């Protein structure tokens, strides 16, 4: 059987799932993270893959579906089949792809059918309805994340900060609107380091800061636990509110808050933090 045996979940597509034929998708951020994962499978590279799945789109393999009119995509009454595979321990993994080309490569000689979905929704489905996910299965860059790993890195709701994460990635949101988005986000995360005595007993915690290229000191905040571990894998991730982060940064006279320091980051200056604190 090898690593995988292939299966598909079949169900009738209700009217809510009617969709136009899948458009072309190329999730370059996840692809770049997968490339890093392939070159060195460590905790930081794994977190990098999952943090980039908190926005953007992925393709589900729906090649086994039965469509009355393929030119119109999925409609009510069609049979929708979503491909999954079983690993060598019997765990069922949802298959997702970062581009039409990578999906096509997994179906040599066929004409694959795909369903475009928001990446956070795909990760949530993989954690709730499957035992995990295999991203770009069949490629050298394939990454498998099991359900508990998805929840650990992206919480029970991978879409919790999708609007803010997307704004940080796309860089098209006006600055004042971005600050309003930060203010309205339900939760952010901070990194915490355990302090231990000579016997190894935890005696306290410290909250790391980031240093700017000109010597600035920044408080740091993150949109997901995965963002914490893509920046510094040994840290613990603790949920909090942006008001708490802003208050500490102001009290400690830091030079601002650095949001998502692993990449696609922004700095919020002390005067701008006043609206949060």
Protein backbone atom coordinates (compact mmCIF):
# COMPACT_ATOMS: atom_id res chain seq x y z
CA UNK A 1 0.00 0.00 0.00
CA UNK A 2 2.87 2.39 0.62
CA UNK A 3 2.30 5.54 2.60
CA UNK A 4 -1.18 6.20 1.27
CA UNK A 5 -4.27 4.47 0.01
CA UNK A 6 -6.68 6.77 -1.76
CA UNK A 7 -10.33 7.32 -0.91
CA UNK A 8 -12.99 9.91 -1.60
CA UNK A 9 -15.86 11.21 0.48
CA UNK A 10 -18.98 11.33 -1.67
CA UNK A 11 -22.12 13.32 -0.97
CA UNK A 12 -24.77 15.18 -2.92
CA UNK A 13 -23.85 18.81 -3.38
CA UNK A 14 -26.60 21.04 -1.91
CA UNK A 15 -27.54 24.33 -3.50
CA UNK A 16 -25.19 26.20 -1.16
CA UNK A 17 -22.24 24.42 -2.73
CA UNK A 18 -23.11 25.39 -6.29
CA UNK A 19 -20.08 27.07 -7.78
CA UNK A 20 -18.55 28.16 -11.04
CA UNK A 21 -15.71 26.06 -12.45
CA UNK A 22 -12.62 26.38 -10.27
CA UNK A 23 -10.38 29.28 -11.21
CA UNK A 24 -6.62 28.99 -11.30
CA UNK A 25 -4.92 29.07 -7.90
CA UNK A 26 -1.26 29.45 -7.05
CA UNK A 27 -0.62 29.88 -3.35
CA UNK A 28 2.99 31.02 -3.50
CA UNK A 29 3.35 31.71 0.22
CA UNK A 30 2.44 28.14 1.14
CA UNK A 31 4.58 26.80 -1.71
CA UNK A 32 7.60 28.72 -0.43
CA UNK A 33 6.96 27.39 3.08
CA UNK A 34 6.68 23.84 1.72
CA UNK A 35 10.01 24.26 -0.05
CA UNK A 36 11.64 25.25 3.24
CA UNK A 37 9.97 22.30 4.94
CA UNK A 38 11.34 19.92 2.30
CA UNK A 39 14.88 21.21 2.80
CA UNK A 40 14.85 20.95 6.59
CA UNK A 41 11.99 19.33 8.51
CA UNK A 42 12.11 21.13 11.85
CA UNK A 43 9.61 22.84 14.15
CA UNK A 44 10.13 26.29 12.64
CA UNK A 45 9.64 25.08 9.06
CA UNK A 46 6.49 23.17 10.06
CA UNK A 47 5.06 26.25 11.79
CA UNK A 48 5.92 28.30 8.69
CA UNK A 49 3.71 26.04 6.56
CA UNK A 50 0.76 26.27 8.92
CA UNK A 51 1.04 30.02 9.52
CA UNK A 52 0.82 30.63 5.78
CA UNK A 53 -2.30 28.44 5.63
CA UNK A 54 -4.09 31.01 7.81
CA UNK A 55 -4.94 33.03 4.70
CA UNK A 56 -5.22 32.53 0.94
CA UNK A 57 -6.74 29.57 -0.89
CA UNK A 58 -6.12 25.87 -1.43
CA UNK A 59 -7.55 23.39 -3.89
CA UNK A 60 -9.46 20.26 -2.90
CA UNK A 61 -9.32 17.31 -5.28
CA UNK A 62 -12.87 16.65 -6.48
CA UNK A 63 -11.92 14.59 -9.53
CA UNK A 64 -14.21 11.70 -8.53
CA UNK A 65 -17.32 13.89 -8.52
CA UNK A 66 -20.26 13.36 -10.86
CA UNK A 67 -21.40 16.61 -12.45
CA UNK A 68 -24.39 16.99 -14.72
CA UNK A 69 -22.67 19.86 -16.53
CA UNK A 70 -18.90 20.16 -15.83
CA UNK A 71 -18.81 23.53 -17.60
CA UNK A 72 -21.01 24.99 -14.84
CA UNK A 73 -19.16 23.52 -11.89
CA UNK A 74 -20.93 22.00 -8.89
CA UNK A 75 -24.70 22.38 -8.76
CA UNK A 76 -27.50 21.03 -6.58
CA UNK A 77 -27.99 17.33 -7.28
CA UNK A 78 -24.40 16.66 -8.36
CA UNK A 79 -22.36 14.13 -6.42
CA UNK A 80 -19.43 15.85 -4.81
CA UNK A 81 -16.41 13.67 -4.04
CA UNK A 82 -13.52 15.09 -2.02
CA UNK A 83 -10.33 13.04 -2.21
CA UNK A 84 -8.57 11.81 0.89
CA UNK A 85 -5.85 9.29 1.56
CA UNK A 86 -5.13 6.91 4.39
CA UNK A 87 -1.63 6.80 5.81
CA UNK A 88 0.18 3.62 6.85
CA UNK A 89 -1.40 3.80 10.31
CA UNK A 90 -4.95 4.09 9.00
CA UNK A 91 -5.34 7.81 9.55
CA UNK A 92 -7.51 9.56 6.97
CA UNK A 93 -5.96 12.71 5.50
CA UNK A 94 -7.72 15.36 3.45
CA UNK A 95 -5.80 16.17 0.26
CA UNK A 96 -5.18 19.83 -0.57
CA UNK A 97 -3.04 21.47 -3.25
CA UNK A 98 -1.39 24.84 -3.61
CA UNK A 99 -1.90 25.11 -7.37
CA UNK A 100 -3.72 23.56 -10.30
CA UNK A 101 -0.36 22.36 -11.64
CA UNK A 102 0.44 20.42 -8.48
CA UNK A 103 -3.01 18.88 -8.45
CA UNK A 104 -2.62 17.90 -12.11
CA UNK A 105 0.75 16.30 -11.37
CA UNK A 106 -0.99 13.93 -8.96
CA UNK A 107 -3.33 12.79 -11.77
CA UNK A 108 -1.04 11.93 -14.71
CA UNK A 109 -3.02 11.34 -17.87
CA UNK A 110 -6.27 12.59 -16.34
CA UNK A 111 -8.20 15.84 -16.28
CA UNK A 112 -8.54 16.63 -12.58
CA UNK A 113 -11.42 18.60 -11.12
CA UNK A 114 -10.80 20.95 -8.22
CA UNK A 115 -12.74 22.93 -5.67
CA UNK A 116 -11.28 26.27 -4.54
CA UNK A 117 -11.63 26.88 -0.80
CA UNK A 118 -10.23 29.36 1.73
CA UNK A 119 -7.14 27.77 3.23
CA UNK A 120 -8.28 28.29 6.86
CA UNK A 121 -11.57 26.52 6.06
CA UNK A 122 -9.64 23.60 4.55
CA UNK A 123 -7.48 23.31 7.68
CA UNK A 124 -10.56 23.50 9.90
CA UNK A 125 -12.25 20.75 7.87
CA UNK A 126 -9.13 18.58 8.04
CA UNK A 127 -9.03 18.93 11.84
CA UNK A 128 -12.76 18.39 12.37
CA UNK A 129 -13.73 15.74 9.80
CA UNK A 130 -10.42 13.98 9.07
CA UNK A 131 -7.33 12.92 10.97
CA UNK A 132 -5.32 15.66 9.30
CA UNK A 133 -4.21 17.01 5.94
CA UNK A 134 -1.64 16.24 3.27
CA UNK A 135 -0.68 19.38 1.35
CA UNK A 136 0.65 18.84 -2.19
CA UNK A 137 0.59 15.07 -1.82
CA UNK A 138 2.81 13.33 -4.34
CA UNK A 139 5.28 16.20 -4.60
CA UNK A 140 8.72 16.40 -3.01
CA UNK A 141 7.39 19.27 -0.89
CA UNK A 142 4.46 17.37 0.63
CA UNK A 143 3.68 18.25 4.24
CA UNK A 144 1.36 16.28 6.52
CA UNK A 145 -0.24 17.96 9.51
CA UNK A 146 -2.40 15.88 11.83
CA UNK A 147 -5.56 17.20 13.45
CA UNK A 148 -4.00 17.86 16.85
CA UNK A 149 -1.10 19.69 15.20
CA UNK A 150 -3.51 21.90 13.26
CA UNK A 151 -5.43 22.80 16.41
CA UNK A 152 -2.18 23.37 18.32
CA UNK A 153 -0.79 25.76 15.70
CA UNK A 154 -3.98 27.45 14.47
CA UNK A 155 -6.38 26.94 17.42
CA UNK A 156 -9.80 25.32 17.14
CA UNK A 157 -10.73 28.08 14.68
CA UNK A 158 -8.01 28.53 12.03
CA UNK A 159 -9.96 31.52 10.67
CA UNK A 160 -9.88 33.42 13.98
CA UNK A 161 -7.61 36.19 12.60
CA UNK A 162 -8.00 35.61 8.88
CA UNK A 163 -8.96 39.24 8.13
CA UNK A 164 -5.93 40.64 9.92
CA UNK A 165 -3.53 38.01 8.57
CA UNK A 166 -4.82 38.63 5.04
CA UNK A 167 -4.37 42.38 5.40
CA UNK A 168 -0.79 41.88 6.57
CA UNK A 169 -0.07 39.64 3.58
CA UNK A 170 -1.78 41.67 0.88
CA UNK A 171 -0.56 45.11 2.06
CA UNK A 172 -3.45 46.96 0.39
CA UNK A 173 -5.44 48.02 3.46
CA UNK A 174 -5.10 51.73 4.34
CA UNK A 175 -3.08 52.19 7.53
CA UNK A 176 -5.89 53.62 9.64
CA UNK A 177 -8.19 50.78 8.54
CA UNK A 178 -5.47 48.29 9.45
CA UNK A 179 -5.19 49.80 12.94
CA UNK A 180 -8.96 49.52 13.32
CA UNK A 181 -8.71 45.88 12.25
CA UNK A 182 -6.03 45.26 14.87
CA UNK A 183 -8.22 46.94 17.49
CA UNK A 184 -11.20 44.73 16.64
CA UNK A 185 -9.35 41.42 16.45
CA UNK A 186 -10.78 39.01 19.04
CA UNK A 187 -7.41 37.76 20.31
CA UNK A 188 -3.71 37.87 19.63
CA UNK A 189 -0.90 35.73 20.99
CA UNK A 190 2.31 36.47 22.83
CA UNK A 191 5.45 34.40 23.25
CA UNK A 192 6.48 33.32 26.74
CA UNK A 193 9.67 31.63 27.94
CA UNK A 194 9.77 29.45 31.05
CA UNK A 195 12.34 30.39 33.67
CA UNK A 196 13.73 27.36 35.50
CA UNK A 197 15.94 26.94 38.56
CA UNK A 198 18.93 24.60 38.77
CA UNK A 199 16.65 21.59 39.36
CA UNK A 200 14.64 22.34 36.22
CA UNK A 201 11.55 23.53 38.09
CA UNK A 202 9.66 26.37 36.41
CA UNK A 203 9.91 29.41 38.66
CA UNK A 204 8.46 32.06 36.37
CA UNK A 205 8.12 33.27 32.80
CA UNK A 206 9.61 36.00 30.67
CA UNK A 207 8.13 37.66 27.59
CA UNK A 208 10.72 38.11 24.83
CA UNK A 209 11.04 41.29 22.83
CA UNK A 210 12.39 41.95 19.34
CA UNK A 211 15.31 44.21 18.50
CA UNK A 212 15.18 46.54 15.49
CA UNK A 213 18.08 47.09 13.11
CA UNK A 214 18.79 50.46 14.72
CA UNK A 215 18.59 49.14 18.28
CA UNK A 216 14.87 49.64 18.84
CA UNK A 217 13.09 47.41 21.34
CA UNK A 218 9.65 46.13 20.36
CA UNK A 219 6.97 44.19 22.14
CA UNK A 220 5.83 41.37 19.88
CA UNK A 221 2.36 40.03 19.10
CA UNK A 222 1.16 37.28 16.80
CA UNK A 223 -2.01 36.36 14.91
CA UNK A 224 -1.69 32.63 15.70
CA UNK A 225 0.46 30.23 17.74
CA UNK A 226 2.03 29.13 14.44
CA UNK A 227 3.33 32.69 14.02
CA UNK A 228 5.04 32.40 17.43
CA UNK A 229 6.81 29.16 16.54
CA UNK A 230 7.80 30.29 13.05
CA UNK A 231 9.64 33.12 14.84
CA UNK A 232 10.99 31.22 17.86
CA UNK A 233 10.06 27.53 18.24
CA UNK A 234 11.13 27.11 21.90
CA UNK A 235 8.62 29.68 23.16
CA UNK A 236 5.17 29.02 24.56
CA UNK A 237 2.18 30.73 22.91
CA UNK A 238 -0.32 32.48 25.18
CA UNK A 239 -3.57 34.06 24.04
CA UNK A 240 -4.27 37.64 25.14
CA UNK A 241 -5.89 40.86 23.95
CA UNK A 242 -4.20 43.56 21.92
CA UNK A 243 -5.03 46.05 24.71
CA UNK A 244 -2.80 44.08 27.09
CA UNK A 245 0.07 44.06 24.61
CA UNK A 246 -0.29 47.78 23.96
CA UNK A 247 -0.42 48.61 27.68
CA UNK A 248 2.77 46.66 28.44
CA UNK A 249 4.59 48.22 25.48
CA UNK A 250 3.66 51.70 26.68
CA UNK A 251 4.50 50.98 30.32
CA UNK A 252 7.89 49.53 29.36
CA UNK A 253 8.54 52.47 27.00
CA UNK A 254 9.16 50.16 24.08
CA UNK A 255 9.47 51.57 20.58
CA UNK A 256 6.19 49.98 19.53
CA UNK A 257 4.61 46.58 18.90
CA UNK A 258 5.95 44.36 16.15
CA UNK A 259 3.11 42.25 14.78
CA UNK A 260 4.01 38.86 13.24
CA UNK A 261 7.81 39.24 13.31
CA UNK A 262 8.35 36.05 11.27
CA UNK A 263 7.23 37.89 8.14
CA UNK A 264 4.55 40.11 6.59
CA UNK A 265 5.00 42.16 9.75
CA UNK A 266 4.15 45.73 10.75
CA UNK A 267 5.27 48.02 13.57
CA UNK A 268 2.66 49.95 15.52
CA UNK A 269 4.21 53.02 17.13
CA UNK A 270 3.59 54.16 20.74
CA UNK A 271 1.23 57.03 19.77
CA UNK A 272 -0.82 54.61 17.67
CA UNK A 273 -0.96 52.12 20.54
CA UNK A 274 -2.90 54.64 22.61
CA UNK A 275 -6.12 53.70 20.77
CA UNK A 276 -5.72 50.11 21.94
CA UNK A 277 -4.66 50.73 25.54
